[in-house]
Structure formats: C-alpha cells, structure tokens
C-alpha atoms as a PDB file:
ATOM      1  CA  MET A   1      92.606  63.713  51.162  1.00  0.00           C
ATOM      2  CA  SER A   2      93.613  67.302  51.738  1.00  0.00           C
ATOM      3  CA  GLU A   3      96.776  68.301  53.516  1.00  0.00           C
ATOM      4  CA  LEU A   4      96.908  70.831  56.312  1.00  0.00           C
ATOM      5  CA  ILE A   5      99.208  73.677  55.463  1.00  0.00           C
ATOM      6  CA  GLU A   6     100.954  75.328  58.399  1.00  0.00           C
ATOM      7  CA  ASP A   7     101.333  78.843  57.062  1.00  0.00           C
ATOM      8  CA  GLY A   8     100.402  80.647  60.280  1.00  0.00           C
ATOM      9  CA  SER A   9      97.215  82.121  58.885  1.00  0.00           C
ATOM     10  CA  GLU A  10      95.121  80.743  61.751  1.00  0.00           C
ATOM     11  CA  PHE A  11      97.458  82.369  64.245  1.00  0.00           C
ATOM     12  CA  ALA A  12      97.096  85.761  62.538  1.00  0.00           C
ATOM     13  CA  ALA A  13      93.297  85.365  62.581  1.00  0.00           C
ATOM     14  CA  LEU A  14      93.436  84.463  66.274  1.00  0.00           C
ATOM     15  CA  LEU A  15      95.339  87.646  67.086  1.00  0.00           C
ATOM     16  CA  GLY A  16      92.820  89.755  65.213  1.00  0.00           C
ATOM     17  CA  GLY A  17      93.175  93.505  65.707  1.00  0.00           C
ATOM     18  CA  PHE A  18      95.897  93.157  68.312  1.00  0.00           C
ATOM     19  CA  GLY A  19      98.251  91.447  65.894  1.00  0.00           C
ATOM     20  CA  SER A  20      97.668  93.828  63.026  1.00  0.00           C
ATOM     21  CA  HIS A  21      97.381  97.121  64.931  1.00  0.00           C
ATOM     22  CA  GLY A  22      99.672  96.552  67.920  1.00  0.00           C
ATOM     23  CA  ASN A  23     102.672  98.831  68.345  1.00  0.00           C
ATOM     24  CA  PRO A  24     105.539  96.411  69.092  1.00  0.00           C
ATOM     25  CA  LYS A  25     107.930  99.137  70.290  1.00  0.00           C
ATOM     26  CA  ARG A  26     105.393 100.590  72.717  1.00  0.00           C
ATOM     27  CA  ARG A  27     104.446  97.140  73.971  1.00  0.00           C
ATOM     28  CA  ALA A  28     108.114  96.184  74.479  1.00  0.00           C
ATOM     29  CA  LYS A  29     108.758  99.381  76.455  1.00  0.00           C
ATOM     30  CA  ALA A  30     105.691  98.768  78.640  1.00  0.00           C
ATOM     31  CA  GLU A  31     106.859  95.218  79.334  1.00  0.00           C
ATOM     32  CA  ARG A  32     110.349  96.458  80.280  1.00  0.00           C
ATOM     33  CA  MET A  33     108.888  99.108  82.586  1.00  0.00           C
ATOM     34  CA  ALA A  34     106.605  96.554  84.236  1.00  0.00           C
ATOM     35  CA  ALA A  35     109.567  94.276  84.935  1.00  0.00           C
ATOM     36  CA  MET A  36     111.563  97.030  86.684  1.00  0.00           C
ATOM     37  CA  LYS A  37     111.682  97.371  90.427  1.00  0.00           C
ATOM     38  CA  LYS A  38     110.597 100.678  91.954  1.00  0.00           C
ATOM     39  CA  ASN A  39     114.177 101.709  92.809  1.00  0.00           C
ATOM     40  CA  ASP A  40     115.630 100.762  89.399  1.00  0.00           C
ATOM     41  CA  GLY A  41     117.851 103.575  88.092  1.00  0.00           C
ATOM     42  CA  ARG A  42     116.510 103.226  84.539  1.00  0.00           C
ATOM     43  CA  ARG A  43     113.074 104.354  85.644  1.00  0.00           C
ATOM     44  CA  GLN A  44     112.594 107.971  84.556  1.00  0.00           C
ATOM     45  CA  ARG A  45     109.970 108.949  87.085  1.00  0.00           C
ATOM     46  CA  LYS A  46     109.289 108.171  90.683  1.00  0.00           C
ATOM     47  CA  VAL A  47     106.740 105.448  91.404  1.00  0.00           C
ATOM     48  CA  THR A  48     103.845 107.241  93.059  1.00  0.00           C
ATOM     49  CA  ARG A  49     101.319 104.403  92.949  1.00  0.00           C
ATOM     50  CA  PRO A  50     103.014 101.153  93.950  1.00  0.00           C
ATOM     51  CA  HIS A  51      99.777  99.167  94.427  1.00  0.00           C
ATOM     52  CA  GLN A  52      97.433  97.856  91.764  1.00  0.00           C
ATOM     53  CA  PHE A  53      93.682  98.061  92.486  1.00  0.00           C
ATOM     54  CA  ASN A  54      91.447  96.329  89.948  1.00  0.00           C
ATOM     55  CA  VAL A  55      87.663  96.541  89.954  1.00  0.00           C
ATOM     56  CA  ARG A  56      84.857  95.859  87.528  1.00  0.00           C
ATOM     57  CA  VAL A  57      82.165  98.487  87.084  1.00  0.00           C
ATOM     58  CA  ASP A  58      78.994  98.819  85.051  1.00  0.00           C
ATOM     59  CA  ASP A  59      78.601 101.053  81.993  1.00  0.00           C
ATOM     60  CA  ASP A  60      77.018 103.925  83.945  1.00  0.00           C
ATOM     61  CA  THR A  61      79.857 104.063  86.480  1.00  0.00           C
ATOM     62  CA  LYS A  62      82.478 104.020  83.729  1.00  0.00           C
ATOM     63  CA  ALA A  63      80.637 106.820  81.907  1.00  0.00           C
ATOM     64  CA  LEU A  64      80.441 108.863  85.135  1.00  0.00           C
ATOM     65  CA  ALA A  65      84.148 108.374  85.783  1.00  0.00           C
ATOM     66  CA  GLN A  66      85.006 109.438  82.229  1.00  0.00           C
ATOM     67  CA  ALA A  67      82.738 112.494  82.536  1.00  0.00           C
ATOM     68  CA  LEU A  68      84.553 113.497  85.737  1.00  0.00           C
ATOM     69  CA  ILE A  69      87.941 112.983  84.112  1.00  0.00           C
ATOM     70  CA  ASP A  70      86.918 115.146  81.148  1.00  0.00           C
ATOM     71  CA  LYS A  71      85.476 117.843  83.431  1.00  0.00           C
ATOM     72  CA  PHE A  72      88.521 117.973  85.723  1.00  0.00           C
ATOM     73  CA  ASN A  73      90.926 118.044  82.782  1.00  0.00           C
ATOM     74  CA  ALA A  74      88.943 120.868  81.138  1.00  0.00           C
ATOM     75  CA  GLU A  75      88.920 122.878  84.386  1.00  0.00           C
ATOM     76  CA  GLY A  76      92.616 122.303  85.022  1.00  0.00           C
ATOM     77  CA  ARG A  77      92.014 121.180  88.612  1.00  0.00           C
ATOM     78  CA  GLU A  78      94.946 121.149  90.974  1.00  0.00           C
ATOM     79  CA  GLY A  79      96.693 117.968  92.062  1.00  0.00           C
ATOM     80  CA  SER A  80      97.817 116.849  88.654  1.00  0.00           C
ATOM     81  CA  ASP A  81      98.208 118.329  85.230  1.00  0.00           C
ATOM     82  CA  LYS A  82      96.034 115.577  83.736  1.00  0.00           C
ATOM     83  CA  TRP A  83      93.478 113.454  85.581  1.00  0.00           C
ATOM     84  CA  SER A  84      93.286 109.702  85.056  1.00  0.00           C
ATOM     85  CA  GLN A  85      91.004 106.918  86.260  1.00  0.00           C
ATOM     86  CA  ALA A  86      93.426 106.272  89.105  1.00  0.00           C
ATOM     87  CA  ASP A  87      93.268 109.940  90.160  1.00  0.00           C
ATOM     88  CA  ILE A  88      89.459 109.795  90.198  1.00  0.00           C
ATOM     89  CA  VAL A  89      89.430 106.612  92.306  1.00  0.00           C
ATOM     90  CA  ILE A  90      91.960 108.060  94.768  1.00  0.00           C
ATOM     91  CA  ALA A  91      89.994 111.319  95.107  1.00  0.00           C
ATOM     92  CA  ALA A  92      86.650 109.513  95.432  1.00  0.00           C
ATOM     93  CA  ILE A  93      87.878 107.142  98.148  1.00  0.00           C
ATOM     94  CA  ALA A  94      89.485 110.023 100.045  1.00  0.00           C
ATOM     95  CA  ALA A  95      86.260 112.073  99.845  1.00  0.00           C
ATOM     96  CA  LEU A  96      84.132 109.121 100.986  1.00  0.00           C
ATOM     97  CA  ALA A  97      86.509 108.370 103.862  1.00  0.00           C
ATOM     98  CA  LYS A  98      86.408 112.030 104.932  1.00  0.00           C
ATOM     99  CA  ALA A  99      82.591 112.098 104.788  1.00  0.00           C
ATOM    100  CA  GLU A 100      82.363 108.864 106.793  1.00  0.00           C
ATOM    101  CA  LYS A 101      85.170 109.941 109.150  1.00  0.00           C
ATOM    102  CA  ALA A 102      87.017 106.717 108.394  1.00  0.00           C
ATOM    103  CA  ARG A 103      90.723 106.313 109.112  1.00  0.00           C
ATOM    104  CA  VAL A 104      93.355 103.746 108.251  1.00  0.00           C
ATOM    105  CA  GLY A 105      93.559 101.211 111.051  1.00  0.00           C
ATOM    106  CA  ALA A 106      90.225 102.233 112.560  1.00  0.00           C
END
C-alpha cells in the first residue's frame, strides 16, 4: 500500500500561475490599502471613488472600452492624465444621463 506524502506539491499545483508569478510585496501593499479607511493618514492620495461598481460585460463591450481608453490616453484628453476603465464608465454614464436629461433623485 502506498503512503500519501504531504509535501505541499498539490497546493502549489492548485495555485498555478498565481502562486509562481504573484508579487507578494505588491499584493501585501494592496491588501493594506484596501483595509484602510478613507480618512486614514497613511493613505498617500485622496479617495476620489469611494464606491465600488461591478458589472459583467461581453467581449465586444470590453474591447470597445479598451479601444476608448487607448484612444483617450493617446489624445491626452483632459480630466485625467491617464484614463482607466472607471474613468470610461463615469464619462459614459454622465453622457447618457445628459442625453436622457436624467438627474439624481428624479
């Protein structure tokens, strides 16, 4: 009868790329930042987006968003020195609300 050897090899296989390619220092910093409150003195920059907004999109929508991000970053559009997905979502919702004449609380 064979013995099971607990050498942790299954755990390493379970982690896959994350375990072998993860940057522990960067991950630790991100976890510390996530645990901080918005008025914590250790935070280096002001919290400008206090709310999380998660959505799932299809491949075409993700490609369109990335194309807009690349275009706006290449043009150097005002509002931010570098556009992100969050910037695109904020701008798109604001433009749609303006076109539909929608207001908060209406």
